[in-house]
């Protein structure tokens, strides 16, 4: 059964988007679109999905398709429409959006029938960079905030990074860096937004995958992040496949639950399903 997505939900009340530049629904209003797992499969886990697109657009096959695949494995999903550099936004707007998304899902966990300590974040390419930012630059929330959502922690419980941009230094993706940080970012800002430099012992466990032949985002991004996780003794699964180009998503599109044969999906989907099932997040 295909999950029926709800209408997109604004992350903030009207006029309260931090750093907002206007009121255009497409450009200025970050939203979440819910894809609840079927009741007979639901594990209580949820994932905020950050589509890729170089911080200049959002790739639907790395949003909706991932959400439907997660639903098949008992995981509810929320696709994040975050603000973009192509619309005049820069850091920290995108970080605020993903942090608010995680806080929102956690605050509404009971309503949405998930467990507040089983909330992950997933992203591809530049969306993987945003997910890695959520995994490394989180906070515990503001206990005295008037907004109950802001009282929640923005720390994900696990991460899934798909051919991610991670570094803003040598192996970065130039378009993503420009859209996120502008033309002349400081070294301090480059360091802050390089996930491999921000991993700490409380960084959540991660599943990472990349391909050797990726010609757009160097595989070193995933390798360096995994090395940083290893140094901090954070559990991870790392998969580097020889075959597969950048931006391939599940390996076929569009994804149709129950109708897309497993053999048409890239093997990373089976490896991820195993990792999720072993940890009680998926089935």
Protein backbone atom coordinates (compact mmCIF):
# COMPACT_ATOMS: atom_id res chain seq x y z
CA UNK A 1 0.00 0.00 0.00
CA UNK A 2 1.38 3.43 -0.98
CA UNK A 3 1.52 5.86 1.92
CA UNK A 4 -0.64 8.93 1.41
CA UNK A 5 1.38 12.06 2.10
CA UNK A 6 -0.25 14.82 4.09
CA UNK A 7 -0.25 18.41 2.92
CA UNK A 8 3.05 20.21 3.50
CA UNK A 9 3.17 21.72 6.99
CA UNK A 10 5.03 25.02 7.59
CA UNK A 11 7.81 24.63 10.14
CA UNK A 12 7.14 27.99 11.79
CA UNK A 13 4.03 30.11 12.32
CA UNK A 14 3.51 32.80 9.68
CA UNK A 15 6.00 35.63 10.00
CA UNK A 16 8.25 33.79 12.45
CA UNK A 17 10.72 32.06 10.11
CA UNK A 18 14.20 33.03 11.40
CA UNK A 19 16.09 34.96 8.76
CA UNK A 20 13.06 34.95 6.45
CA UNK A 21 13.33 37.12 3.36
CA UNK A 22 9.72 37.12 2.28
CA UNK A 23 6.46 35.16 2.19
CA UNK A 24 6.67 33.27 -1.09
CA UNK A 25 5.36 29.75 -0.31
CA UNK A 26 7.92 28.12 -2.61
CA UNK A 27 11.00 30.18 -1.77
CA UNK A 28 10.62 31.41 1.78
CA UNK A 29 8.50 28.95 3.75
CA UNK A 30 10.25 25.71 4.83
CA UNK A 31 7.86 22.79 5.22
CA UNK A 32 7.56 19.14 6.23
CA UNK A 33 5.50 16.63 4.28
CA UNK A 34 4.55 13.54 6.29
CA UNK A 35 4.58 9.99 4.93
CA UNK A 36 3.33 7.79 7.80
CA UNK A 37 4.29 4.14 7.85
CA UNK A 38 1.40 1.69 7.44
CA UNK A 39 0.02 0.76 10.87
CA UNK A 40 0.62 -2.96 10.30
CA UNK A 41 4.33 -2.35 9.60
CA UNK A 42 5.20 0.62 11.80
CA UNK A 43 8.22 0.18 14.09
CA UNK A 44 7.86 3.51 15.87
CA UNK A 45 10.85 5.01 14.06
CA UNK A 46 10.78 8.17 11.97
CA UNK A 47 13.21 9.89 9.60
CA UNK A 48 13.50 13.49 8.40
CA UNK A 49 14.55 13.29 4.74
CA UNK A 50 16.67 16.06 3.18
CA UNK A 51 16.65 15.88 -0.64
CA UNK A 52 19.78 16.83 -2.53
CA UNK A 53 20.22 19.43 -5.23
CA UNK A 54 23.37 21.42 -4.53
CA UNK A 55 21.51 23.80 -2.18
CA UNK A 56 20.05 25.18 -5.40
CA UNK A 57 17.03 22.90 -5.91
CA UNK A 58 15.41 19.86 -4.32
CA UNK A 59 15.44 16.46 -6.04
CA UNK A 60 12.05 14.77 -5.64
CA UNK A 61 13.46 11.26 -6.15
CA UNK A 62 15.69 11.82 -3.09
CA UNK A 63 12.70 12.94 -1.06
CA UNK A 64 9.38 11.31 -1.89
CA UNK A 65 10.93 8.08 -3.21
CA UNK A 66 13.06 7.65 -0.08
CA UNK A 67 10.01 8.31 2.10
CA UNK A 68 7.97 5.62 0.34
CA UNK A 69 10.86 3.15 0.59
CA UNK A 70 11.21 3.85 4.33
CA UNK A 71 7.46 3.29 4.73
CA UNK A 72 7.87 -0.17 3.21
CA UNK A 73 10.30 -0.92 6.03
CA UNK A 74 8.00 0.31 8.78
CA UNK A 75 9.52 3.77 9.18
CA UNK A 76 7.52 6.98 8.99
CA UNK A 77 9.17 9.77 7.02
CA UNK A 78 8.97 13.53 6.74
CA UNK A 79 10.37 15.18 3.61
CA UNK A 80 11.93 18.55 4.39
CA UNK A 81 11.63 21.47 2.00
CA UNK A 82 14.48 23.65 3.25
CA UNK A 83 15.53 27.08 2.08
CA UNK A 84 18.00 27.35 -0.79
CA UNK A 85 20.94 29.41 -1.89
CA UNK A 86 19.30 29.90 -5.30
CA UNK A 87 16.59 31.88 -3.48
CA UNK A 88 19.07 34.11 -1.67
CA UNK A 89 19.49 32.12 1.55
CA UNK A 90 22.78 31.20 3.19
CA UNK A 91 23.88 29.39 6.33
CA UNK A 92 22.47 29.26 9.01
CA UNK A 93 19.00 29.25 7.39
CA UNK A 94 19.28 25.67 6.14
CA UNK A 95 20.61 24.46 9.50
CA UNK A 96 17.73 26.17 11.30
CA UNK A 97 15.30 24.37 8.98
CA UNK A 98 16.63 20.84 9.57
CA UNK A 99 16.96 21.42 13.32
CA UNK A 100 13.39 22.72 13.49
CA UNK A 101 12.20 19.70 11.50
CA UNK A 102 13.77 17.26 13.98
CA UNK A 103 12.37 19.21 16.94
CA UNK A 104 8.91 19.23 15.33
CA UNK A 105 8.83 15.48 14.74
CA UNK A 106 10.03 14.87 18.31
CA UNK A 107 7.48 17.29 19.78
CA UNK A 108 4.65 15.59 17.88
CA UNK A 109 5.88 12.04 18.39
CA UNK A 110 2.80 10.91 20.31
CA UNK A 111 0.44 12.47 17.77
CA UNK A 112 2.34 10.91 14.89
CA UNK A 113 2.69 7.54 16.61
CA UNK A 114 6.46 7.33 16.73
CA UNK A 115 8.97 7.09 19.55
CA UNK A 116 10.81 10.34 20.39
CA UNK A 117 14.13 8.50 20.72
CA UNK A 118 13.89 6.76 17.35
CA UNK A 119 14.15 9.79 15.06
CA UNK A 120 16.78 9.83 12.32
CA UNK A 121 17.90 12.18 9.57
CA UNK A 122 18.69 11.16 5.98
CA UNK A 123 20.13 13.09 3.08
CA UNK A 124 21.74 12.77 -0.34
CA UNK A 125 24.47 14.93 -1.87
CA UNK A 126 23.91 18.48 -0.53
CA UNK A 127 21.02 17.05 1.47
CA UNK A 128 23.61 14.69 2.92
CA UNK A 129 25.63 17.73 3.92
CA UNK A 130 22.58 19.19 5.66
CA UNK A 131 22.01 15.86 7.39
CA UNK A 132 25.66 15.75 8.49
CA UNK A 133 25.22 19.26 9.88
CA UNK A 134 22.25 18.04 11.91
CA UNK A 135 24.35 15.12 13.14
CA UNK A 136 27.19 17.31 14.37
CA UNK A 137 25.79 20.77 15.24
CA UNK A 138 22.78 19.89 17.39
CA UNK A 139 21.61 21.28 20.72
CA UNK A 140 19.48 20.13 23.65
CA UNK A 141 16.72 22.67 23.09
CA UNK A 142 15.62 25.63 25.20
CA UNK A 143 13.71 24.41 28.28
CA UNK A 144 12.27 27.88 28.98
CA UNK A 145 11.10 28.60 25.41
CA UNK A 146 7.49 29.73 24.95
CA UNK A 147 7.34 27.61 21.80
CA UNK A 148 7.05 23.99 22.95
CA UNK A 149 8.79 22.78 19.78
CA UNK A 150 11.90 24.82 20.62
CA UNK A 151 12.16 23.02 23.96
CA UNK A 152 13.00 19.77 22.17
CA UNK A 153 16.48 18.50 21.33
CA UNK A 154 17.57 18.76 17.70
CA UNK A 155 19.89 15.75 18.05
CA UNK A 156 18.95 12.93 15.65
CA UNK A 157 19.14 9.39 17.03
CA UNK A 158 20.78 8.08 13.84
CA UNK A 159 21.87 9.28 10.43
CA UNK A 160 21.78 8.00 6.85
CA UNK A 161 24.15 9.75 4.42
CA UNK A 162 23.89 8.95 0.71
CA UNK A 163 26.78 10.10 -1.55
CA UNK A 164 27.02 13.10 0.78
CA UNK A 165 28.84 16.36 0.48
CA UNK A 166 30.53 16.57 3.89
CA UNK A 167 33.59 18.79 3.64
CA UNK A 168 33.72 22.45 2.67
CA UNK A 169 37.45 22.13 2.02
CA UNK A 170 39.50 20.16 -0.53
CA UNK A 171 36.94 17.55 -1.59
CA UNK A 172 33.85 19.74 -1.46
CA UNK A 173 31.26 20.25 -4.19
CA UNK A 174 31.83 23.80 -5.38
CA UNK A 175 28.23 24.59 -6.28
CA UNK A 176 26.93 23.40 -2.92
CA UNK A 177 29.52 25.42 -1.04
CA UNK A 178 28.75 28.59 -3.00
CA UNK A 179 25.00 28.23 -2.53
CA UNK A 180 25.42 27.55 1.18
CA UNK A 181 28.20 29.97 2.12
CA UNK A 182 28.53 32.49 -0.71
CA UNK A 183 31.65 33.46 -2.64
CA UNK A 184 34.08 34.33 0.15
CA UNK A 185 33.39 32.29 3.32
CA UNK A 186 35.85 32.59 6.19
CA UNK A 187 38.09 29.70 7.17
CA UNK A 188 36.20 29.54 10.46
CA UNK A 189 32.91 29.05 8.61
CA UNK A 190 34.43 26.46 6.28
CA UNK A 191 35.65 24.50 9.32
CA UNK A 192 32.30 24.77 11.11
CA UNK A 193 30.39 23.40 8.11
CA UNK A 194 32.88 20.60 7.41
CA UNK A 195 31.28 17.63 9.13
CA UNK A 196 34.48 15.62 9.32
CA UNK A 197 35.90 18.32 11.62
CA UNK A 198 32.84 18.50 13.87
CA UNK A 199 32.29 14.84 14.84
CA UNK A 200 32.27 14.29 18.60
CA UNK A 201 31.73 11.31 20.86
CA UNK A 202 27.99 12.07 21.08
CA UNK A 203 27.50 12.18 17.32
CA UNK A 204 24.74 9.65 16.50
CA UNK A 205 25.48 6.31 14.76
CA UNK A 206 25.45 6.50 10.97
CA UNK A 207 24.97 4.54 7.79
CA UNK A 208 27.06 6.00 4.95
CA UNK A 209 27.41 5.01 1.34
CA UNK A 210 29.10 6.37 -1.75
CA UNK A 211 30.37 5.09 -5.09
CA UNK A 212 33.91 4.97 -6.40
CA UNK A 213 32.88 6.31 -9.79
CA UNK A 214 30.94 9.32 -8.47
CA UNK A 215 32.16 12.16 -10.68
CA UNK A 216 30.34 15.00 -8.91
CA UNK A 217 31.09 14.50 -5.20
CA UNK A 218 34.34 12.81 -4.25
CA UNK A 219 34.08 9.57 -2.28
CA UNK A 220 36.56 11.12 0.17
CA UNK A 221 33.62 12.97 1.72
CA UNK A 222 32.15 9.73 3.08
CA UNK A 223 35.57 8.26 3.87
CA UNK A 224 36.65 11.28 5.90
CA UNK A 225 33.39 11.36 7.85
CA UNK A 226 33.69 7.65 8.61
CA UNK A 227 37.29 8.15 9.75
CA UNK A 228 36.16 10.91 12.11
CA UNK A 229 33.41 8.66 13.49
CA UNK A 230 35.96 5.90 14.03
CA UNK A 231 38.29 8.21 15.94
CA UNK A 232 35.42 9.20 18.25
CA UNK A 233 34.26 5.57 18.65
CA UNK A 234 30.87 6.31 17.09
CA UNK A 235 29.33 3.19 15.46
CA UNK A 236 28.83 3.32 11.69
CA UNK A 237 28.27 1.25 8.58
CA UNK A 238 30.27 2.41 5.56
CA UNK A 239 29.68 1.07 2.05
CA UNK A 240 31.67 2.11 -1.01
CA UNK A 241 30.38 0.57 -4.25
CA UNK A 242 32.35 0.65 -7.46
CA UNK A 243 29.31 1.18 -9.68
CA UNK A 244 26.73 3.93 -9.56
CA UNK A 245 26.70 7.55 -10.65
CA UNK A 246 25.93 10.59 -8.56
CA UNK A 247 22.31 11.38 -7.82
CA UNK A 248 20.96 7.92 -8.59
CA UNK A 249 18.76 7.73 -5.48
CA UNK A 250 17.29 4.26 -4.99
CA UNK A 251 18.66 3.17 -8.36
CA UNK A 252 15.37 3.45 -10.22
CA UNK A 253 12.68 6.11 -10.50
CA UNK A 254 9.92 6.60 -9.83
CA UNK A 255 9.78 4.15 -6.97
CA UNK A 256 6.47 2.31 -6.66
CA UNK A 257 6.04 0.41 -3.37
CA UNK A 258 5.01 -3.17 -3.96
CA UNK A 259 5.63 -2.87 -7.70
CA UNK A 260 9.32 -2.04 -8.03
CA UNK A 261 11.31 -5.31 -7.90
CA UNK A 262 14.19 -5.35 -5.44
CA UNK A 263 16.62 -6.27 -8.19
CA UNK A 264 16.00 -2.86 -9.79
CA UNK A 265 17.15 -1.07 -6.65
CA UNK A 266 20.81 -0.38 -5.94
CA UNK A 267 22.32 -2.78 -3.37
CA UNK A 268 22.70 0.05 -0.85
CA UNK A 269 18.99 -0.25 -0.15
CA UNK A 270 19.36 -3.86 0.99
CA UNK A 271 22.39 -3.01 3.13
CA UNK A 272 20.51 -0.12 4.74
CA UNK A 273 17.45 -2.30 5.37
CA UNK A 274 19.68 -4.80 7.20
CA UNK A 275 21.30 -2.05 9.31
CA UNK A 276 17.95 -0.52 10.24
CA UNK A 277 16.39 -3.89 11.11
CA UNK A 278 19.31 -4.95 13.31
CA UNK A 279 18.91 -1.81 15.42
CA UNK A 280 15.15 -1.98 15.81
CA UNK A 281 14.37 0.98 13.57
CA UNK A 282 13.21 -0.92 10.50
CA UNK A 283 11.75 -4.25 9.46
